Amino acid sequence: MKELIACCGLDCETCNARIATLTDDDALREKTAREWSAMNDSPEITAATINCMGCRTDGIKFGWCSMCEIRACAIGKGFATCGECDEIETCPTVAPVLENAPGARENLTAR
């Protein structure tokens, strides 16, 4: 599995927060903040918070990573991702990502 697959199956390699961080693109940070703020009904997401190198990599993490229940659960169980967990098909914590993010399930089950 690629290191840039997040605990939940999202692909950090294609994530606008990571791309904006790598390229120091403030316009992309602004655009991402607007989109994510609206999607999550959260005005706390601002361009200043859009900095991340990836969920499972060294370096800066998006501010919500420290509060991410999915990431905390996987790490707490000693897993790199939810794909290692026998409860993935019935897990209510990761279910919203698997239902709404095309490719996340496949990323977690790819060997």
PDB file of N, CA and C in Angstrom:
ATOM      1  N   MET A   1       0.849  -1.188   0.000  1.00  0.00           N
ATOM      2  CA  MET A   1       0.000   0.000   0.000  1.00  0.00           C
ATOM      3  C   MET A   1       0.885   1.238   0.000  1.00  0.00           C
ATOM      4  N   LYS A   2       0.465   2.217  -0.775  1.00  0.00           N
ATOM      5  CA  LYS A   2       1.202   3.470  -0.828  1.00  0.00           C
ATOM      6  C   LYS A   2       1.189   4.150   0.541  1.00  0.00           C
ATOM      7  N   GLU A   3       2.297   4.772   0.880  1.00  0.00           N
ATOM      8  CA  GLU A   3       2.403   5.496   2.154  1.00  0.00           C
ATOM      9  C   GLU A   3       1.456   6.691   2.187  1.00  0.00           C
ATOM     10  N   LEU A   4       1.088   7.195   1.028  1.00  0.00           N
ATOM     11  CA  LEU A   4       0.237   8.379   0.982  1.00  0.00           C
ATOM     12  C   LEU A   4      -1.254   8.051   0.988  1.00  0.00           C
ATOM     13  N   ILE A   5      -1.602   6.827   1.347  1.00  0.00           N
ATOM     14  CA  ILE A   5      -2.999   6.488   1.585  1.00  0.00           C
ATOM     15  C   ILE A   5      -3.259   6.745   3.071  1.00  0.00           C
ATOM     16  N   ALA A   6      -4.248   7.570   3.345  1.00  0.00           N
ATOM     17  CA  ALA A   6      -4.580   7.915   4.735  1.00  0.00           C
ATOM     18  C   ALA A   6      -5.183   6.714   5.460  1.00  0.00           C
ATOM     19  N   CYS A   7      -5.274   6.792   6.753  1.00  0.00           N
ATOM     20  CA  CYS A   7      -5.860   5.720   7.562  1.00  0.00           C
ATOM     21  C   CYS A   7      -7.246   5.341   7.059  1.00  0.00           C
ATOM     22  N   CYS A   8      -8.007   6.315   6.576  1.00  0.00           N
ATOM     23  CA  CYS A   8      -9.384   6.104   6.125  1.00  0.00           C
ATOM     24  C   CYS A   8      -9.490   5.677   4.672  1.00  0.00           C
ATOM     25  N   GLY A   9      -8.392   5.714   3.938  1.00  0.00           N
ATOM     26  CA  GLY A   9      -8.415   5.327   2.542  1.00  0.00           C
ATOM     27  C   GLY A   9      -8.327   6.483   1.563  1.00  0.00           C
ATOM     28  N   LEU A  10      -8.428   7.713   2.037  1.00  0.00           N
ATOM     29  CA  LEU A  10      -8.266   8.854   1.133  1.00  0.00           C
ATOM     30  C   LEU A  10      -6.829   8.871   0.605  1.00  0.00           C
ATOM     31  N   ASP A  11      -6.653   9.351  -0.607  1.00  0.00           N
ATOM     32  CA  ASP A  11      -5.337   9.394  -1.231  1.00  0.00           C
ATOM     33  C   ASP A  11      -4.713  10.763  -1.001  1.00  0.00           C
ATOM     34  N   CYS A  12      -3.765  10.835  -0.086  1.00  0.00           N
ATOM     35  CA  CYS A  12      -3.125  12.102   0.254  1.00  0.00           C
ATOM     36  C   CYS A  12      -2.335  12.671  -0.925  1.00  0.00           C
ATOM     37  N   GLU A  13      -1.906  11.808  -1.824  1.00  0.00           N
ATOM     38  CA  GLU A  13      -1.137  12.263  -2.977  1.00  0.00           C
ATOM     39  C   GLU A  13      -1.950  13.222  -3.850  1.00  0.00           C
ATOM     40  N   THR A  14      -3.256  13.027  -3.881  1.00  0.00           N
ATOM     41  CA  THR A  14      -4.115  13.882  -4.709  1.00  0.00           C
ATOM     42  C   THR A  14      -4.865  14.934  -3.887  1.00  0.00           C
ATOM     43  N   CYS A  15      -4.575  15.018  -2.613  1.00  0.00           N
ATOM     44  CA  CYS A  15      -5.264  15.950  -1.718  1.00  0.00           C
ATOM     45  C   CYS A  15      -4.764  17.376  -1.918  1.00  0.00           C
ATOM     46  N   ASN A  16      -5.709  18.296  -2.054  1.00  0.00           N
ATOM     47  CA  ASN A  16      -5.351  19.699  -2.264  1.00  0.00           C
ATOM     48  C   ASN A  16      -4.567  20.298  -1.106  1.00  0.00           C
ATOM     49  N   ALA A  17      -4.781  19.834   0.109  1.00  0.00           N
ATOM     50  CA  ALA A  17      -4.010  20.360   1.244  1.00  0.00           C
ATOM     51  C   ALA A  17      -2.541  19.988   1.100  1.00  0.00           C
ATOM     52  N   ARG A  18      -2.276  18.766   0.726  1.00  0.00           N
ATOM     53  CA  ARG A  18      -0.882  18.326   0.535  1.00  0.00           C
ATOM     54  C   ARG A  18      -0.261  19.034  -0.658  1.00  0.00           C
ATOM     55  N   ILE A  19      -0.994  19.131  -1.744  1.00  0.00           N
ATOM     56  CA  ILE A  19      -0.477  19.796  -2.943  1.00  0.00           C
ATOM     57  C   ILE A  19      -0.165  21.265  -2.640  1.00  0.00           C
ATOM     58  N   ALA A  20      -1.064  21.946  -1.933  1.00  0.00           N
ATOM     59  CA  ALA A  20      -0.839  23.350  -1.572  1.00  0.00           C
ATOM     60  C   ALA A  20       0.379  23.494  -0.666  1.00  0.00           C
ATOM     61  N   THR A  21       0.573  22.532   0.223  1.00  0.00           N
ATOM     62  CA  THR A  21       1.732  22.565   1.118  1.00  0.00           C
ATOM     63  C   THR A  21       3.019  22.382   0.326  1.00  0.00           C
ATOM     64  N   LEU A  22       3.040  21.382  -0.544  1.00  0.00           N
ATOM     65  CA  LEU A  22       4.239  21.101  -1.332  1.00  0.00           C
ATOM     66  C   LEU A  22       4.610  22.241  -2.269  1.00  0.00           C
ATOM     67  N   THR A  23       3.604  22.888  -2.836  1.00  0.00           N
ATOM     68  CA  THR A  23       3.849  23.946  -3.825  1.00  0.00           C
ATOM     69  C   THR A  23       3.759  25.348  -3.236  1.00  0.00           C
ATOM     70  N   ASP A  24       3.443  25.435  -1.952  1.00  0.00           N
ATOM     71  CA  ASP A  24       3.252  26.712  -1.256  1.00  0.00           C
ATOM     72  C   ASP A  24       2.287  27.603  -2.040  1.00  0.00           C
ATOM     73  N   ASP A  25       1.138  27.022  -2.371  1.00  0.00           N
ATOM     74  CA  ASP A  25       0.136  27.666  -3.221  1.00  0.00           C
ATOM     75  C   ASP A  25      -0.989  28.245  -2.358  1.00  0.00           C
ATOM     76  N   ASP A  26      -0.904  29.530  -2.088  1.00  0.00           N
ATOM     77  CA  ASP A  26      -1.910  30.174  -1.239  1.00  0.00           C
ATOM     78  C   ASP A  26      -3.290  30.233  -1.893  1.00  0.00           C
ATOM     79  N   ALA A  27      -3.345  30.349  -3.207  1.00  0.00           N
ATOM     80  CA  ALA A  27      -4.642  30.360  -3.900  1.00  0.00           C
ATOM     81  C   ALA A  27      -5.331  29.010  -3.736  1.00  0.00           C
ATOM     82  N   LEU A  28      -4.580  27.925  -3.820  1.00  0.00           N
ATOM     83  CA  LEU A  28      -5.155  26.592  -3.616  1.00  0.00           C
ATOM     84  C   LEU A  28      -5.565  26.404  -2.160  1.00  0.00           C
ATOM     85  N   ARG A  29      -4.803  26.960  -1.231  1.00  0.00           N
ATOM     86  CA  ARG A  29      -5.194  26.911   0.186  1.00  0.00           C
ATOM     87  C   ARG A  29      -6.546  27.608   0.383  1.00  0.00           C
ATOM     88  N   GLU A  30      -6.702  28.784  -0.209  1.00  0.00           N
ATOM     89  CA  GLU A  30      -7.962  29.539  -0.094  1.00  0.00           C
ATOM     90  C   GLU A  30      -9.128  28.741  -0.683  1.00  0.00           C
ATOM     91  N   LYS A  31      -8.946  28.206  -1.869  1.00  0.00           N
ATOM     92  CA  LYS A  31      -9.989  27.435  -2.534  1.00  0.00           C
ATOM     93  C   LYS A  31     -10.354  26.203  -1.703  1.00  0.00           C
ATOM     94  N   THR A  32      -9.358  25.499  -1.216  1.00  0.00           N
ATOM     95  CA  THR A  32      -9.587  24.286  -0.415  1.00  0.00           C
ATOM     96  C   THR A  32     -10.292  24.633   0.885  1.00  0.00           C
ATOM     97  N   ALA A  33      -9.877  25.700   1.520  1.00  0.00           N
ATOM     98  CA  ALA A  33     -10.515  26.128   2.773  1.00  0.00           C
ATOM     99  C   ALA A  33     -11.991  26.444   2.549  1.00  0.00           C
ATOM    100  N   ARG A  34     -12.306  27.156   1.473  1.00  0.00           N
ATOM    101  CA  ARG A  34     -13.703  27.471   1.177  1.00  0.00           C
ATOM    102  C   ARG A  34     -14.511  26.187   0.969  1.00  0.00           C
ATOM    103  N   GLU A  35     -13.979  25.279   0.165  1.00  0.00           N
ATOM    104  CA  GLU A  35     -14.692  24.034  -0.137  1.00  0.00           C
ATOM    105  C   GLU A  35     -14.875  23.181   1.121  1.00  0.00           C
ATOM    106  N   TRP A  36     -13.806  22.977   1.862  1.00  0.00           N
ATOM    107  CA  TRP A  36     -13.874  22.114   3.043  1.00  0.00           C
ATOM    108  C   TRP A  36     -14.713  22.744   4.142  1.00  0.00           C
ATOM    109  N   SER A  37     -14.642  24.065   4.274  1.00  0.00           N
ATOM    110  CA  SER A  37     -15.449  24.761   5.272  1.00  0.00           C
ATOM    111  C   SER A  37     -16.931  24.575   4.976  1.00  0.00           C
ATOM    112  N   ALA A  38     -17.303  24.720   3.707  1.00  0.00           N
ATOM    113  CA  ALA A  38     -18.703  24.535   3.312  1.00  0.00           C
ATOM    114  C   ALA A  38     -19.123  23.069   3.468  1.00  0.00           C
ATOM    115  N   MET A  39     -18.275  22.150   3.039  1.00  0.00           N
ATOM    116  CA  MET A  39     -18.590  20.724   3.095  1.00  0.00           C
ATOM    117  C   MET A  39     -18.777  20.240   4.532  1.00  0.00           C
ATOM    118  N   ASN A  40     -17.998  20.812   5.446  1.00  0.00           N
ATOM    119  CA  ASN A  40     -18.037  20.371   6.841  1.00  0.00           C
ATOM    120  C   ASN A  40     -18.776  21.342   7.748  1.00  0.00           C
ATOM    121  N   ASP A  41     -19.392  22.369   7.166  1.00  0.00           N
ATOM    122  CA  ASP A  41     -20.087  23.401   7.927  1.00  0.00           C
ATOM    123  C   ASP A  41     -19.213  23.889   9.074  1.00  0.00           C
ATOM    124  N   SER A  42     -17.972  24.258   8.721  1.00  0.00           N
ATOM    125  CA  SER A  42     -17.001  24.627   9.733  1.00  0.00           C
ATOM    126  C   SER A  42     -16.212  25.863   9.326  1.00  0.00           C
ATOM    127  N   PRO A  43     -16.541  27.009   9.890  1.00  0.00           N
ATOM    128  CA  PRO A  43     -15.797  28.224   9.580  1.00  0.00           C
ATOM    129  C   PRO A  43     -14.368  28.205  10.132  1.00  0.00           C
ATOM    130  N   GLU A  44     -14.050  27.202  10.967  1.00  0.00           N
ATOM    131  CA  GLU A  44     -12.699  27.106  11.526  1.00  0.00           C
ATOM    132  C   GLU A  44     -11.672  26.697  10.482  1.00  0.00           C
ATOM    133  N   ILE A  45     -12.144  26.152   9.360  1.00  0.00           N
ATOM    134  CA  ILE A  45     -11.219  25.765   8.300  1.00  0.00           C
ATOM    135  C   ILE A  45     -10.911  27.007   7.478  1.00  0.00           C
ATOM    136  N   THR A  46      -9.684  27.458   7.590  1.00  0.00           N
ATOM    137  CA  THR A  46      -9.234  28.646   6.880  1.00  0.00           C
ATOM    138  C   THR A  46      -7.993  28.286   6.061  1.00  0.00           C
ATOM    139  N   ALA A  47      -7.601  29.185   5.202  1.00  0.00           N
ATOM    140  CA  ALA A  47      -6.396  28.960   4.394  1.00  0.00           C
ATOM    141  C   ALA A  47      -5.185  28.692   5.285  1.00  0.00           C
ATOM    142  N   ALA A  48      -5.132  29.339   6.430  1.00  0.00           N
ATOM    143  CA  ALA A  48      -3.999  29.141   7.343  1.00  0.00           C
ATOM    144  C   ALA A  48      -3.934  27.718   7.900  1.00  0.00           C
ATOM    145  N   THR A  49      -5.062  27.010   7.892  1.00  0.00           N
ATOM    146  CA  THR A  49      -5.070  25.638   8.418  1.00  0.00           C
ATOM    147  C   THR A  49      -4.808  24.599   7.331  1.00  0.00           C
ATOM    148  N   ILE A  50      -4.718  25.037   6.090  1.00  0.00           N
ATOM    149  CA  ILE A  50      -4.523  24.104   4.974  1.00  0.00           C
ATOM    150  C   ILE A  50      -3.024  23.883   4.758  1.00  0.00           C
ATOM    151  N   ASN A  51      -2.472  23.032   5.574  1.00  0.00           N
ATOM    152  CA  ASN A  51      -1.080  22.610   5.489  1.00  0.00           C
ATOM    153  C   ASN A  51      -1.016  21.167   5.960  1.00  0.00           C
ATOM    154  N   CYS A  52      -0.490  20.276   5.126  1.00  0.00           N
ATOM    155  CA  CYS A  52      -0.425  18.865   5.498  1.00  0.00           C
ATOM    156  C   CYS A  52       0.529  18.131   4.563  1.00  0.00           C
ATOM    157  N   MET A  53       1.259  17.190   5.108  1.00  0.00           N
ATOM    158  CA  MET A  53       2.143  16.355   4.293  1.00  0.00           C
ATOM    159  C   MET A  53       1.584  14.945   4.122  1.00  0.00           C
ATOM    160  N   GLY A  54       0.469  14.666   4.756  1.00  0.00           N
ATOM    161  CA  GLY A  54      -0.152  13.346   4.630  1.00  0.00           C
ATOM    162  C   GLY A  54      -0.400  12.726   5.985  1.00  0.00           C
ATOM    163  N   CYS A  55      -1.468  11.974   6.078  1.00  0.00           N
ATOM    164  CA  CYS A  55      -1.929  11.383   7.331  1.00  0.00           C
ATOM    165  C   CYS A  55      -0.889  10.465   7.978  1.00  0.00           C
ATOM    166  N   ARG A  56      -0.193   9.675   7.146  1.00  0.00           N
ATOM    167  CA  ARG A  56       0.718   8.666   7.695  1.00  0.00           C
ATOM    168  C   ARG A  56       2.186   8.980   7.437  1.00  0.00           C
ATOM    169  N   THR A  57       2.496  10.209   7.060  1.00  0.00           N
ATOM    170  CA  THR A  57       3.878  10.584   6.802  1.00  0.00           C
ATOM    171  C   THR A  57       4.392  11.493   7.910  1.00  0.00           C
ATOM    172  N   ASP A  58       5.688  11.673   7.941  1.00  0.00           N
ATOM    173  CA  ASP A  58       6.273  12.633   8.864  1.00  0.00           C
ATOM    174  C   ASP A  58       5.953  14.034   8.357  1.00  0.00           C
ATOM    175  N   GLY A  59       5.942  14.963   9.239  1.00  0.00           N
ATOM    176  CA  GLY A  59       5.721  16.348   8.842  1.00  0.00           C
ATOM    177  C   GLY A  59       4.388  16.876   9.322  1.00  0.00           C
ATOM    178  N   ILE A  60       4.102  18.077   8.893  1.00  0.00           N
ATOM    179  CA  ILE A  60       2.909  18.803   9.336  1.00  0.00           C
ATOM    180  C   ILE A  60       1.630  18.069   8.927  1.00  0.00           C
ATOM    181  N   LYS A  61       0.652  18.130   9.815  1.00  0.00           N
ATOM    182  CA  LYS A  61      -0.657  17.509   9.576  1.00  0.00           C
ATOM    183  C   LYS A  61      -1.726  18.601   9.555  1.00  0.00           C
ATOM    184  N   PHE A  62      -2.759  18.353   8.764  1.00  0.00           N
ATOM    185  CA  PHE A  62      -3.923  19.231   8.759  1.00  0.00           C
ATOM    186  C   PHE A  62      -4.448  19.301  10.192  1.00  0.00           C
ATOM    187  N   GLY A  63      -4.853  20.447  10.644  1.00  0.00           N
ATOM    188  CA  GLY A  63      -5.262  20.654  12.028  1.00  0.00           C
ATOM    189  C   GLY A  63      -6.270  19.652  12.565  1.00  0.00           C
ATOM    190  N   TRP A  64      -7.152  19.156  11.710  1.00  0.00           N
ATOM    191  CA  TRP A  64      -8.167  18.220  12.185  1.00  0.00           C
ATOM    192  C   TRP A  64      -7.606  16.821  12.420  1.00  0.00           C
ATOM    193  N   CYS A  65      -6.419  16.527  11.920  1.00  0.00           N
ATOM    194  CA  CYS A  65      -5.848  15.182  12.090  1.00  0.00           C
ATOM    195  C   CYS A  65      -5.738  14.802  13.564  1.00  0.00           C
ATOM    196  N   SER A  66      -5.426  15.779  14.406  1.00  0.00           N
ATOM    197  CA  SER A  66      -5.286  15.484  15.833  1.00  0.00           C
ATOM    198  C   SER A  66      -6.624  15.118  16.471  1.00  0.00           C
ATOM    199  N   MET A  67      -7.731  15.475  15.796  1.00  0.00           N
ATOM    200  CA  MET A  67      -9.062  15.164  16.310  1.00  0.00           C
ATOM    201  C   MET A  67      -9.755  14.051  15.518  1.00  0.00           C
ATOM    202  N   CYS A  68      -9.069  13.490  14.521  1.00  0.00           N
ATOM    203  CA  CYS A  68      -9.682  12.510  13.639  1.00  0.00           C
ATOM    204  C   CYS A  68      -9.881  11.171  14.362  1.00  0.00           C
ATOM    205  N   GLU A  69     -11.136  10.803  14.542  1.00  0.00           N
ATOM    206  CA  GLU A  69     -11.467   9.546  15.225  1.00  0.00           C
ATOM    207  C   GLU A  69     -10.977   8.336  14.437  1.00  0.00           C
ATOM    208  N   ILE A  70     -11.019   8.419  13.126  1.00  0.00           N
ATOM    209  CA  ILE A  70     -10.580   7.301  12.290  1.00  0.00           C
ATOM    210  C   ILE A  70      -9.081   7.067  12.479  1.00  0.00           C
ATOM    211  N   ARG A  71      -8.311   8.133  12.373  1.00  0.00           N
ATOM    212  CA  ARG A  71      -6.855   8.044  12.530  1.00  0.00           C
ATOM    213  C   ARG A  71      -6.496   7.559  13.936  1.00  0.00           C
ATOM    214  N   ALA A  72      -7.153   8.107  14.942  1.00  0.00           N
ATOM    215  CA  ALA A  72      -6.882   7.704  16.325  1.00  0.00           C
ATOM    216  C   ALA A  72      -7.190   6.226  16.542  1.00  0.00           C
ATOM    217  N   CYS A  73      -8.276   5.751  15.968  1.00  0.00           N
ATOM    218  CA  CYS A  73      -8.665   4.350  16.117  1.00  0.00           C
ATOM    219  C   CYS A  73      -7.639   3.430  15.459  1.00  0.00           C
ATOM    220  N   ALA A  74      -7.281   3.734  14.211  1.00  0.00           N
ATOM    221  CA  ALA A  74      -6.319   2.892  13.493  1.00  0.00           C
ATOM    222  C   ALA A  74      -4.977   2.850  14.227  1.00  0.00           C
ATOM    223  N   ILE A  75      -4.484   3.997  14.614  1.00  0.00           N
ATOM    224  CA  ILE A  75      -3.203   4.057  15.329  1.00  0.00           C
ATOM    225  C   ILE A  75      -3.315   3.350  16.675  1.00  0.00           C
ATOM    226  N   GLY A  76      -4.429   3.551  17.368  1.00  0.00           N
ATOM    227  CA  GLY A  76      -4.641   2.901  18.664  1.00  0.00           C
ATOM    228  C   GLY A  76      -4.650   1.379  18.574  1.00  0.00           C
ATOM    229  N   LYS A  77      -5.104   0.868  17.442  1.00  0.00           N
ATOM    230  CA  LYS A  77      -5.123  -0.586  17.242  1.00  0.00           C
ATOM    231  C   LYS A  77      -3.818  -1.107  16.642  1.00  0.00           C
ATOM    232  N   GLY A  78      -2.895  -0.193  16.391  1.00  0.00           N
ATOM    233  CA  GLY A  78      -1.612  -0.587  15.817  1.00  0.00           C
ATOM    234  C   GLY A  78      -1.656  -0.826  14.319  1.00  0.00           C
ATOM    235  N   PHE A  79      -2.669  -0.276  13.633  1.00  0.00           N
ATOM    236  CA  PHE A  79      -2.820  -0.459  12.195  1.00  0.00           C
ATOM    237  C   PHE A  79      -2.293   0.760  11.439  1.00  0.00           C
ATOM    238  N   ALA A  80      -1.799   0.519  10.257  1.00  0.00           N
ATOM    239  CA  ALA A  80      -1.424   1.625   9.380  1.00  0.00           C
ATOM    240  C   ALA A  80      -2.685   2.274   8.821  1.00  0.00           C
ATOM    241  N   THR A  81      -3.664   1.437   8.454  1.00  0.00           N
ATOM    242  CA  THR A  81      -4.930   1.947   7.915  1.00  0.00           C
ATOM    243  C   THR A  81      -6.079   1.073   8.410  1.00  0.00           C
ATOM    244  N   CYS A  82      -7.275   1.534   8.156  1.00  0.00           N
ATOM    245  CA  CYS A  82      -8.469   0.769   8.504  1.00  0.00           C
ATOM    246  C   CYS A  82      -8.578  -0.520   7.696  1.00  0.00           C
ATOM    247  N   GLY A  83      -7.855  -0.612   6.596  1.00  0.00           N
ATOM    248  CA  GLY A  83      -7.868  -1.814   5.779  1.00  0.00           C
ATOM    249  C   GLY A  83      -7.362  -3.049   6.499  1.00  0.00           C
ATOM    250  N   GLU A  84      -6.623  -2.861   7.583  1.00  0.00           N
ATOM    251  CA  GLU A  84      -6.097  -3.976   8.365  1.00  0.00           C
ATOM    252  C   GLU A  84      -7.090  -4.477   9.416  1.00  0.00           C
ATOM    253  N   CYS A  85      -8.171  -3.750   9.608  1.00  0.00           N
ATOM    254  CA  CYS A  85      -9.119  -4.057  10.676  1.00  0.00           C
ATOM    255  C   CYS A  85     -10.217  -5.010  10.192  1.00  0.00           C
ATOM    256  N   ASP A  86     -10.478  -6.035  10.976  1.00  0.00           N
ATOM    257  CA  ASP A  86     -11.528  -7.005  10.648  1.00  0.00           C
ATOM    258  C   ASP A  86     -12.925  -6.394  10.721  1.00  0.00           C
ATOM    259  N   GLU A  87     -13.061  -5.252  11.379  1.00  0.00           N
ATOM    260  CA  GLU A  87     -14.370  -4.620  11.564  1.00  0.00           C
ATOM    261  C   GLU A  87     -14.688  -3.560  10.512  1.00  0.00           C
ATOM    262  N   ILE A  88     -13.873  -3.428   9.494  1.00  0.00           N
ATOM    263  CA  ILE A  88     -14.031  -2.342   8.527  1.00  0.00           C
ATOM    264  C   ILE A  88     -15.410  -2.315   7.866  1.00  0.00           C
ATOM    265  N   GLU A  89     -15.974  -3.463   7.575  1.00  0.00           N
ATOM    266  CA  GLU A  89     -17.261  -3.497   6.864  1.00  0.00           C
ATOM    267  C   GLU A  89     -18.440  -3.044   7.728  1.00  0.00           C
ATOM    268  N   THR A  90     -18.290  -3.089   9.044  1.00  0.00           N
ATOM    269  CA  THR A  90     -19.378  -2.701   9.940  1.00  0.00           C
ATOM    270  C   THR A  90     -19.035  -1.484  10.798  1.00  0.00           C
ATOM    271  N   CYS A  91     -17.895  -0.878  10.534  1.00  0.00           N
ATOM    272  CA  CYS A  91     -17.418   0.226  11.371  1.00  0.00           C
ATOM    273  C   CYS A  91     -18.164   1.526  11.071  1.00  0.00           C
ATOM    274  N   PRO A  92     -18.868   2.096  12.057  1.00  0.00           N
ATOM    275  CA  PRO A  92     -19.583   3.354  11.832  1.00  0.00           C
ATOM    276  C   PRO A  92     -18.646   4.561  11.764  1.00  0.00           C
ATOM    277  N   THR A  93     -17.421   4.408  12.245  1.00  0.00           N
ATOM    278  CA  THR A  93     -16.491   5.535  12.253  1.00  0.00           C
ATOM    279  C   THR A  93     -15.967   5.833  10.851  1.00  0.00           C
ATOM    280  N   VAL A  94     -15.549   4.811  10.126  1.00  0.00           N
ATOM    281  CA  VAL A  94     -14.985   5.021   8.793  1.00  0.00           C
ATOM    282  C   VAL A  94     -16.060   4.977   7.697  1.00  0.00           C
ATOM    283  N   ALA A  95     -17.243   4.521   8.024  1.00  0.00           N
ATOM    284  CA  ALA A  95     -18.318   4.360   7.033  1.00  0.00           C
ATOM    285  C   ALA A  95     -18.580   5.612   6.192  1.00  0.00           C
ATOM    286  N   PRO A  96     -18.664   6.813   6.780  1.00  0.00           N
ATOM    287  CA  PRO A  96     -18.949   7.990   5.945  1.00  0.00           C
ATOM    288  C   PRO A  96     -17.903   8.217   4.851  1.00  0.00           C
ATOM    289  N   VAL A  97     -16.651   7.964   5.161  1.00  0.00           N
ATOM    290  CA  VAL A  97     -15.602   8.133   4.150  1.00  0.00           C
ATOM    291  C   VAL A  97     -15.779   7.088   3.058  1.00  0.00           C
ATOM    292  N   LEU A  98     -15.991   5.842   3.455  1.00  0.00           N
ATOM    293  CA  LEU A  98     -16.118   4.765   2.478  1.00  0.00           C
ATOM    294  C   LEU A  98     -17.355   4.946   1.598  1.00  0.00           C
ATOM    295  N   GLU A  99     -18.390   5.575   2.138  1.00  0.00           N
ATOM    296  CA  GLU A  99     -19.623   5.807   1.378  1.00  0.00           C
ATOM    297  C   GLU A  99     -19.520   7.019   0.446  1.00  0.00           C
ATOM    298  N   ASN A 100     -18.720   8.003   0.828  1.00  0.00           N
ATOM    299  CA  ASN A 100     -18.726   9.277   0.102  1.00  0.00           C
ATOM    300  C   ASN A 100     -17.456   9.598  -0.683  1.00  0.00           C
ATOM    301  N   ALA A 101     -16.415   8.833  -0.502  1.00  0.00           N
ATOM    302  CA  ALA A 101     -15.160   9.130  -1.200  1.00  0.00           C
ATOM    303  C   ALA A 101     -14.831   8.022  -2.195  1.00  0.00           C
ATOM    304  N   PRO A 102     -15.064   8.293  -3.453  1.00  0.00           N
ATOM    305  CA  PRO A 102     -14.755   7.270  -4.461  1.00  0.00           C
ATOM    306  C   PRO A 102     -13.298   6.827  -4.367  1.00  0.00           C
ATOM    307  N   GLY A 103     -13.096   5.546  -4.353  1.00  0.00           N
ATOM    308  CA  GLY A 103     -11.743   5.003  -4.328  1.00  0.00           C
ATOM    309  C   GLY A 103     -11.196   4.683  -2.950  1.00  0.00           C
ATOM    310  N   ALA A 104     -11.789   5.211  -1.883  1.00  0.00           N
ATOM    311  CA  ALA A 104     -11.238   4.990  -0.549  1.00  0.00           C
ATOM    312  C   ALA A 104     -11.232   3.508  -0.176  1.00  0.00           C
ATOM    313  N   ARG A 105     -12.333   2.822  -0.397  1.00  0.00           N
ATOM    314  CA  ARG A 105     -12.401   1.394  -0.063  1.00  0.00           C
ATOM    315  C   ARG A 105     -11.355   0.609  -0.858  1.00  0.00           C
ATOM    316  N   GLU A 106     -11.248   0.911  -2.151  1.00  0.00           N
ATOM    317  CA  GLU A 106     -10.279   0.220  -2.985  1.00  0.00           C
ATOM    318  C   GLU A 106      -8.848   0.499  -2.524  1.00  0.00           C
ATOM    319  N   ASN A 107      -8.577   1.739  -2.087  1.00  0.00           N
ATOM    320  CA  ASN A 107      -7.256   2.065  -1.574  1.00  0.00           C
ATOM    321  C   ASN A 107      -6.906   1.242  -0.344  1.00  0.00           C
ATOM    322  N   LEU A 108      -7.900   0.971   0.478  1.00  0.00           N
ATOM    323  CA  LEU A 108      -7.667   0.211   1.718  1.00  0.00           C
ATOM    324  C   LEU A 108      -7.519  -1.286   1.468  1.00  0.00           C
ATOM    325  N   THR A 109      -8.083  -1.764   0.387  1.00  0.00           N
ATOM    326  CA  THR A 109      -8.040  -3.209   0.141  1.00  0.00           C
ATOM    327  C   THR A 109      -7.014  -3.595  -0.910  1.00  0.00           C
ATOM    328  N   ALA A 110      -6.366  -2.602  -1.548  1.00  0.00           N
ATOM    329  CA  ALA A 110      -5.332  -2.886  -2.543  1.00  0.00           C
ATOM    330  C   ALA A 110      -4.110  -3.495  -1.858  1.00  0.00           C
ATOM    331  N   ARG A 111      -3.592  -4.508  -2.451  1.00  0.00           N
ATOM    332  CA  ARG A 111      -2.396  -5.174  -1.874  1.00  0.00           C
ATOM    333  C   ARG A 111      -1.238  -5.045  -2.802  1.00  0.00           C
TER     334      ARG A 111
END
